[in-house]
N, C-alpha and C. Protein backbone atom coordinates (compact mmCIF):
# COMPACT_ATOMS: atom_id res chain seq x y z
N MET A 1 35.99 110.52 144.29
CA MET A 1 36.51 111.55 145.16
C MET A 1 38.04 111.48 145.16
N MET A 2 38.67 112.61 145.00
CA MET A 2 40.13 112.70 144.90
C MET A 2 40.74 112.71 146.30
N THR A 3 41.78 111.90 146.51
CA THR A 3 42.48 111.90 147.78
C THR A 3 43.94 112.22 147.53
N ASN A 4 44.70 112.37 148.61
CA ASN A 4 46.14 112.61 148.46
C ASN A 4 46.76 111.41 147.78
N ARG A 5 47.78 111.65 147.03
CA ARG A 5 48.45 110.60 146.27
C ARG A 5 49.93 110.61 146.64
N THR A 6 50.50 109.42 146.79
CA THR A 6 51.92 109.30 147.07
C THR A 6 52.62 108.86 145.80
N VAL A 7 53.68 109.55 145.43
CA VAL A 7 54.45 109.20 144.24
C VAL A 7 55.88 108.88 144.66
N LEU A 8 56.55 108.12 143.82
CA LEU A 8 57.93 107.74 144.09
C LEU A 8 58.86 108.63 143.28
N LEU A 9 59.74 109.36 143.95
CA LEU A 9 60.71 110.24 143.30
C LEU A 9 62.10 109.86 143.79
N ASN A 10 62.96 109.42 142.87
CA ASN A 10 64.33 109.05 143.23
C ASN A 10 64.40 108.14 144.46
N ASP A 11 63.62 107.07 144.42
CA ASP A 11 63.57 106.07 145.49
C ASP A 11 63.04 106.61 146.81
N SER A 12 62.43 107.78 146.81
CA SER A 12 61.82 108.34 148.01
C SER A 12 60.35 108.60 147.75
N GLU A 13 59.52 108.35 148.77
CA GLU A 13 58.10 108.63 148.61
C GLU A 13 57.85 110.11 148.85
N PHE A 14 56.95 110.67 148.06
CA PHE A 14 56.61 112.07 148.15
C PHE A 14 55.09 112.16 148.10
N GLU A 15 54.48 112.72 149.14
CA GLU A 15 53.03 112.80 149.18
C GLU A 15 52.55 114.12 148.60
N LEU A 16 51.64 114.01 147.65
CA LEU A 16 51.05 115.19 147.03
C LEU A 16 49.82 115.61 147.82
N ASP A 17 49.62 116.91 148.00
CA ASP A 17 48.39 117.36 148.63
C ASP A 17 47.25 117.21 147.62
N ARG A 18 46.04 117.36 148.09
CA ARG A 18 44.88 117.12 147.24
C ARG A 18 44.85 118.02 145.99
N PRO A 19 45.06 119.34 146.12
CA PRO A 19 45.03 120.19 144.92
C PRO A 19 46.11 119.79 143.89
N THR A 20 47.31 119.45 144.37
CA THR A 20 48.37 119.06 143.45
C THR A 20 48.03 117.74 142.78
N SER A 21 47.50 116.81 143.55
CA SER A 21 47.09 115.52 143.00
C SER A 21 46.02 115.71 141.92
N ARG A 22 45.09 116.62 142.17
CA ARG A 22 44.03 116.92 141.19
C ARG A 22 44.64 117.50 139.91
N MET A 23 45.60 118.41 140.05
CA MET A 23 46.24 119.01 138.88
C MET A 23 46.98 117.95 138.06
N VAL A 24 47.68 117.06 138.75
CA VAL A 24 48.40 115.99 138.06
C VAL A 24 47.43 115.15 137.25
N CYS A 25 46.30 114.84 137.86
CA CYS A 25 45.28 114.03 137.18
C CYS A 25 44.73 114.76 135.95
N ILE A 26 44.46 116.05 136.08
CA ILE A 26 43.94 116.84 134.96
C ILE A 26 44.97 116.92 133.84
N TYR A 27 46.22 117.24 134.19
CA TYR A 27 47.25 117.37 133.16
C TYR A 27 47.51 116.03 132.47
N HIS A 28 47.46 114.95 133.22
CA HIS A 28 47.63 113.63 132.59
C HIS A 28 46.50 113.38 131.60
N ALA A 29 45.28 113.68 132.00
CA ALA A 29 44.14 113.47 131.10
C ALA A 29 44.24 114.32 129.84
N LEU A 30 44.75 115.53 129.98
CA LEU A 30 44.86 116.44 128.83
C LEU A 30 46.11 116.17 127.98
N SER A 31 46.97 115.26 128.42
CA SER A 31 48.24 115.04 127.72
C SER A 31 48.11 114.22 126.44
N HIS A 32 46.95 113.65 126.17
CA HIS A 32 46.74 112.87 124.96
C HIS A 32 46.10 113.77 123.90
N PRO A 33 46.59 113.73 122.66
CA PRO A 33 46.07 114.66 121.64
C PRO A 33 44.56 114.54 121.39
N VAL A 34 44.02 113.34 121.39
CA VAL A 34 42.58 113.19 121.15
C VAL A 34 41.80 113.73 122.34
N ARG A 35 42.24 113.41 123.54
CA ARG A 35 41.53 113.91 124.73
C ARG A 35 41.60 115.44 124.80
N LEU A 36 42.74 116.01 124.47
CA LEU A 36 42.88 117.46 124.46
C LEU A 36 41.95 118.09 123.43
N THR A 37 41.87 117.48 122.26
CA THR A 37 41.00 118.00 121.20
C THR A 37 39.53 117.88 121.59
N ILE A 38 39.17 116.78 122.24
CA ILE A 38 37.79 116.63 122.72
C ILE A 38 37.47 117.75 123.71
N CYS A 39 38.38 118.00 124.62
CA CYS A 39 38.16 119.06 125.62
C CYS A 39 38.07 120.43 124.98
N LYS A 40 38.87 120.67 123.95
CA LYS A 40 38.77 121.95 123.24
C LYS A 40 37.39 122.10 122.60
N CYS A 41 36.83 121.01 122.08
CA CYS A 41 35.47 121.06 121.53
C CYS A 41 34.45 121.34 122.63
N LEU A 42 34.64 120.70 123.78
CA LEU A 42 33.70 120.87 124.89
C LEU A 42 33.83 122.25 125.53
N LEU A 43 34.91 122.93 125.26
CA LEU A 43 35.08 124.29 125.76
C LEU A 43 33.99 125.21 125.19
N VAL A 44 33.57 124.92 123.98
CA VAL A 44 32.52 125.71 123.32
C VAL A 44 31.16 125.41 123.94
N GLY A 45 30.95 124.15 124.33
CA GLY A 45 29.68 123.76 124.94
C GLY A 45 29.53 122.25 124.99
N PRO A 46 28.50 121.77 125.69
CA PRO A 46 28.27 120.34 125.82
C PRO A 46 27.97 119.67 124.47
N LEU A 47 28.42 118.43 124.33
CA LEU A 47 28.24 117.68 123.09
C LEU A 47 27.95 116.22 123.39
N SER A 48 27.25 115.57 122.48
CA SER A 48 27.04 114.13 122.58
C SER A 48 28.23 113.42 121.94
N VAL A 49 28.32 112.12 122.17
CA VAL A 49 29.41 111.34 121.58
C VAL A 49 29.36 111.44 120.06
N SER A 50 28.17 111.32 119.49
CA SER A 50 28.07 111.37 118.02
C SER A 50 28.49 112.74 117.48
N GLN A 51 28.17 113.82 118.20
CA GLN A 51 28.60 115.15 117.76
C GLN A 51 30.12 115.29 117.82
N ILE A 52 30.72 114.74 118.86
CA ILE A 52 32.19 114.78 118.98
C ILE A 52 32.81 113.97 117.85
N CYS A 53 32.26 112.79 117.57
CA CYS A 53 32.77 111.95 116.48
C CYS A 53 32.70 112.68 115.14
N GLU A 54 31.59 113.36 114.90
CA GLU A 54 31.43 114.13 113.66
C GLU A 54 32.48 115.22 113.54
N ARG A 55 32.63 116.00 114.60
CA ARG A 55 33.57 117.13 114.56
C ARG A 55 35.01 116.69 114.39
N LEU A 56 35.37 115.57 115.02
CA LEU A 56 36.76 115.12 114.97
C LEU A 56 37.01 114.10 113.88
N GLU A 57 35.93 113.67 113.22
CA GLU A 57 36.02 112.65 112.17
C GLU A 57 36.73 111.39 112.67
N LEU A 58 36.28 110.94 113.86
CA LEU A 58 36.85 109.74 114.48
C LEU A 58 35.74 108.72 114.70
N LYS A 59 36.13 107.46 114.81
CA LYS A 59 35.19 106.38 115.09
C LYS A 59 34.68 106.51 116.52
N GLN A 60 33.47 106.01 116.74
CA GLN A 60 32.83 106.12 118.04
C GLN A 60 33.62 105.42 119.14
N TYR A 61 34.20 104.26 118.85
CA TYR A 61 34.93 103.54 119.89
C TYR A 61 36.19 104.30 120.33
N VAL A 62 36.82 105.02 119.41
CA VAL A 62 38.01 105.80 119.76
C VAL A 62 37.62 106.94 120.71
N VAL A 63 36.57 107.65 120.36
CA VAL A 63 36.10 108.77 121.17
C VAL A 63 35.63 108.27 122.54
N SER A 64 34.89 107.16 122.55
CA SER A 64 34.39 106.62 123.81
C SER A 64 35.51 106.21 124.75
N GLN A 65 36.57 105.61 124.21
CA GLN A 65 37.72 105.23 125.04
C GLN A 65 38.34 106.46 125.71
N GLN A 66 38.51 107.51 124.94
CA GLN A 66 39.14 108.72 125.47
C GLN A 66 38.21 109.46 126.43
N LEU A 67 36.91 109.42 126.16
CA LEU A 67 35.96 110.03 127.08
C LEU A 67 35.94 109.30 128.42
N ALA A 68 36.14 107.99 128.40
CA ALA A 68 36.19 107.22 129.65
C ALA A 68 37.37 107.69 130.52
N VAL A 69 38.51 107.94 129.89
CA VAL A 69 39.68 108.44 130.63
C VAL A 69 39.36 109.82 131.22
N LEU A 70 38.75 110.67 130.42
CA LEU A 70 38.40 112.02 130.88
C LEU A 70 37.38 111.97 132.03
N ARG A 71 36.42 111.03 131.95
CA ARG A 71 35.45 110.85 133.03
C ARG A 71 36.12 110.37 134.30
N ASN A 72 36.99 109.37 134.17
CA ASN A 72 37.69 108.81 135.34
C ASN A 72 38.64 109.81 135.98
N SER A 73 39.09 110.78 135.22
CA SER A 73 39.98 111.82 135.73
C SER A 73 39.21 113.04 136.24
N ASP A 74 37.89 112.95 136.23
CA ASP A 74 37.02 114.06 136.67
C ASP A 74 37.20 115.32 135.84
N VAL A 75 37.54 115.16 134.57
CA VAL A 75 37.68 116.31 133.69
C VAL A 75 36.33 116.63 133.04
N VAL A 76 35.55 115.59 132.73
CA VAL A 76 34.23 115.78 132.13
C VAL A 76 33.15 115.14 133.00
N VAL A 77 31.94 115.62 132.80
CA VAL A 77 30.76 115.02 133.44
C VAL A 77 29.77 114.67 132.35
N THR A 78 28.84 113.78 132.69
CA THR A 78 27.84 113.34 131.72
C THR A 78 26.44 113.66 132.23
N LYS A 79 25.55 113.79 131.27
CA LYS A 79 24.14 113.98 131.57
C LYS A 79 23.36 113.23 130.48
N ARG A 80 22.42 112.40 130.89
CA ARG A 80 21.62 111.67 129.92
C ARG A 80 20.45 112.54 129.50
N VAL A 81 20.31 112.71 128.19
CA VAL A 81 19.17 113.43 127.63
C VAL A 81 18.55 112.49 126.60
N SER A 82 17.40 111.95 126.97
CA SER A 82 16.73 110.98 126.12
C SER A 82 17.65 109.77 125.92
N ARG A 83 18.01 109.48 124.69
CA ARG A 83 18.89 108.34 124.41
C ARG A 83 20.35 108.74 124.26
N ASN A 84 20.64 110.01 124.43
CA ASN A 84 22.01 110.51 124.26
C ASN A 84 22.68 110.79 125.59
N VAL A 85 23.98 110.58 125.62
CA VAL A 85 24.79 110.99 126.77
C VAL A 85 25.52 112.26 126.34
N ILE A 86 25.31 113.31 127.08
CA ILE A 86 25.90 114.61 126.77
C ILE A 86 27.10 114.83 127.70
N TYR A 87 28.22 115.21 127.11
CA TYR A 87 29.46 115.46 127.85
C TYR A 87 29.71 116.95 127.96
N SER A 88 30.23 117.36 129.12
CA SER A 88 30.64 118.75 129.29
C SER A 88 31.84 118.76 130.24
N LEU A 89 32.58 119.87 130.22
CA LEU A 89 33.72 120.02 131.11
C LEU A 89 33.20 120.17 132.54
N ARG A 90 33.88 119.52 133.47
CA ARG A 90 33.42 119.48 134.85
C ARG A 90 33.57 120.82 135.57
N SER A 91 34.67 121.51 135.37
CA SER A 91 34.93 122.66 136.24
C SER A 91 35.48 123.86 135.47
N GLU A 92 35.38 124.98 136.12
CA GLU A 92 35.95 126.21 135.58
C GLU A 92 37.47 126.12 135.54
N ALA A 93 38.06 125.37 136.46
CA ALA A 93 39.52 125.20 136.48
C ALA A 93 40.01 124.57 135.18
N VAL A 94 39.32 123.55 134.72
CA VAL A 94 39.70 122.89 133.46
C VAL A 94 39.52 123.86 132.29
N ARG A 95 38.43 124.61 132.30
CA ARG A 95 38.21 125.60 131.24
C ARG A 95 39.33 126.63 131.21
N ARG A 96 39.75 127.10 132.39
CA ARG A 96 40.84 128.09 132.45
C ARG A 96 42.14 127.50 131.93
N ILE A 97 42.46 126.27 132.32
CA ILE A 97 43.68 125.62 131.84
C ILE A 97 43.66 125.56 130.32
N LEU A 98 42.54 125.17 129.75
CA LEU A 98 42.43 125.07 128.29
C LEU A 98 42.55 126.43 127.62
N ARG A 99 41.83 127.42 128.16
CA ARG A 99 41.88 128.76 127.55
C ARG A 99 43.28 129.35 127.61
N VAL A 100 43.96 129.22 128.73
CA VAL A 100 45.31 129.75 128.86
C VAL A 100 46.26 129.02 127.90
N SER A 101 46.13 127.70 127.81
CA SER A 101 46.99 126.93 126.91
C SER A 101 46.76 127.32 125.45
N ILE A 102 45.51 127.47 125.07
CA ILE A 102 45.18 127.86 123.69
C ILE A 102 45.74 129.25 123.40
N THR A 103 45.54 130.19 124.31
CA THR A 103 46.04 131.55 124.13
C THR A 103 47.56 131.56 124.01
N ASN A 104 48.24 130.83 124.90
CA ASN A 104 49.70 130.79 124.86
C ASN A 104 50.21 130.16 123.57
N THR A 105 49.53 129.15 123.08
CA THR A 105 49.92 128.51 121.83
C THR A 105 49.77 129.49 120.67
N LYS A 106 48.68 130.25 120.65
CA LYS A 106 48.48 131.24 119.58
C LYS A 106 49.55 132.32 119.63
N ILE A 107 49.90 132.76 120.84
CA ILE A 107 50.94 133.78 120.98
C ILE A 107 52.27 133.23 120.49
N GLU A 108 52.58 132.01 120.89
CA GLU A 108 53.84 131.38 120.47
C GLU A 108 53.91 131.21 118.96
N GLU A 109 52.80 130.78 118.36
CA GLU A 109 52.77 130.60 116.90
C GLU A 109 52.94 131.94 116.19
N ALA A 110 52.39 133.00 116.75
CA ALA A 110 52.52 134.32 116.15
C ALA A 110 53.97 134.80 116.21
N LEU A 111 54.69 134.39 117.25
CA LEU A 111 56.07 134.82 117.40
C LEU A 111 57.04 133.96 116.60
N LEU A 112 56.69 132.73 116.30
CA LEU A 112 57.61 131.81 115.63
C LEU A 112 58.12 132.31 114.29
N PRO A 113 57.29 132.84 113.40
CA PRO A 113 57.85 133.29 112.11
C PRO A 113 58.96 134.31 112.26
N SER A 114 58.82 135.25 113.19
CA SER A 114 59.88 136.25 113.37
C SER A 114 61.13 135.61 113.97
N GLU A 115 60.95 134.59 114.80
CA GLU A 115 62.10 133.91 115.40
C GLU A 115 62.86 133.13 114.33
N THR A 116 62.14 132.51 113.39
CA THR A 116 62.82 131.70 112.38
C THR A 116 63.49 132.57 111.33
N ASN A 117 63.14 133.84 111.26
CA ASN A 117 63.77 134.74 110.29
C ASN A 117 65.05 135.37 110.82
N LYS A 118 65.46 135.02 112.02
CA LYS A 118 66.69 135.58 112.57
C LYS A 118 67.86 134.67 112.23
N ASN A 119 69.00 135.28 111.94
CA ASN A 119 70.20 134.48 111.70
C ASN A 119 70.94 134.27 113.02
N ALA A 120 72.06 133.61 112.97
CA ALA A 120 72.80 133.26 114.18
C ALA A 120 73.23 134.50 114.96
N GLY A 121 73.43 135.63 114.31
CA GLY A 121 73.87 136.84 114.98
C GLY A 121 72.75 137.57 115.68
N GLY A 122 71.51 137.10 115.52
CA GLY A 122 70.38 137.72 116.17
C GLY A 122 69.76 138.85 115.38
N PHE A 123 70.27 139.10 114.16
CA PHE A 123 69.70 140.16 113.33
C PHE A 123 68.64 139.59 112.42
N ALA A 124 67.66 140.40 112.10
CA ALA A 124 66.61 139.95 111.19
C ALA A 124 67.20 139.65 109.84
N LYS A 125 66.73 138.57 109.24
CA LYS A 125 67.19 138.17 107.92
C LYS A 125 66.46 139.00 106.88
N VAL A 126 67.19 139.58 105.95
CA VAL A 126 66.61 140.39 104.91
C VAL A 126 66.75 139.63 103.59
N ASP A 127 65.59 139.38 102.96
CA ASP A 127 65.63 138.69 101.68
C ASP A 127 65.84 139.70 100.56
N PRO A 128 66.68 139.34 99.58
CA PRO A 128 66.96 140.28 98.47
C PRO A 128 65.77 140.51 97.58
C-alpha cells in the first residue's frame, strides 16, 4: 500500500501527497530501459516470464530481476496459471503513461529529420 513519502530537497523536507508519491514510484520503475521495454510488451497483453525472455532475447534472471522492481513499484501484477506466473500491467494509469510516451516519441522521431535538415539560419537545406 502506497503512503505519503517525504523527500529531501535542498536540505529541507518536502512531503509528497499520495498521488504524487505514486507517480514518482511509477516513473522510477519505468526509467530503466529493460523495465520500460518489458512494460511496452505487457501493453499488448499479459505474458509469462519465458515469453518476455523470448521477445526481448534476454536471460531469465535479468528479466526476473527487473520484474521484481516492477512488482515492488506496483506497476505490474502477477497471476499463477498452472506452473507459469503471468505478468500484466496493474492499472490503466500505467497504460496511459506508456501510450502517451510511445506516441510522443513517434511524433518526435517523425519531426527529427526535418529539424536536422535545417541550417543555422533556420532555412531548409537544399541538396544539389
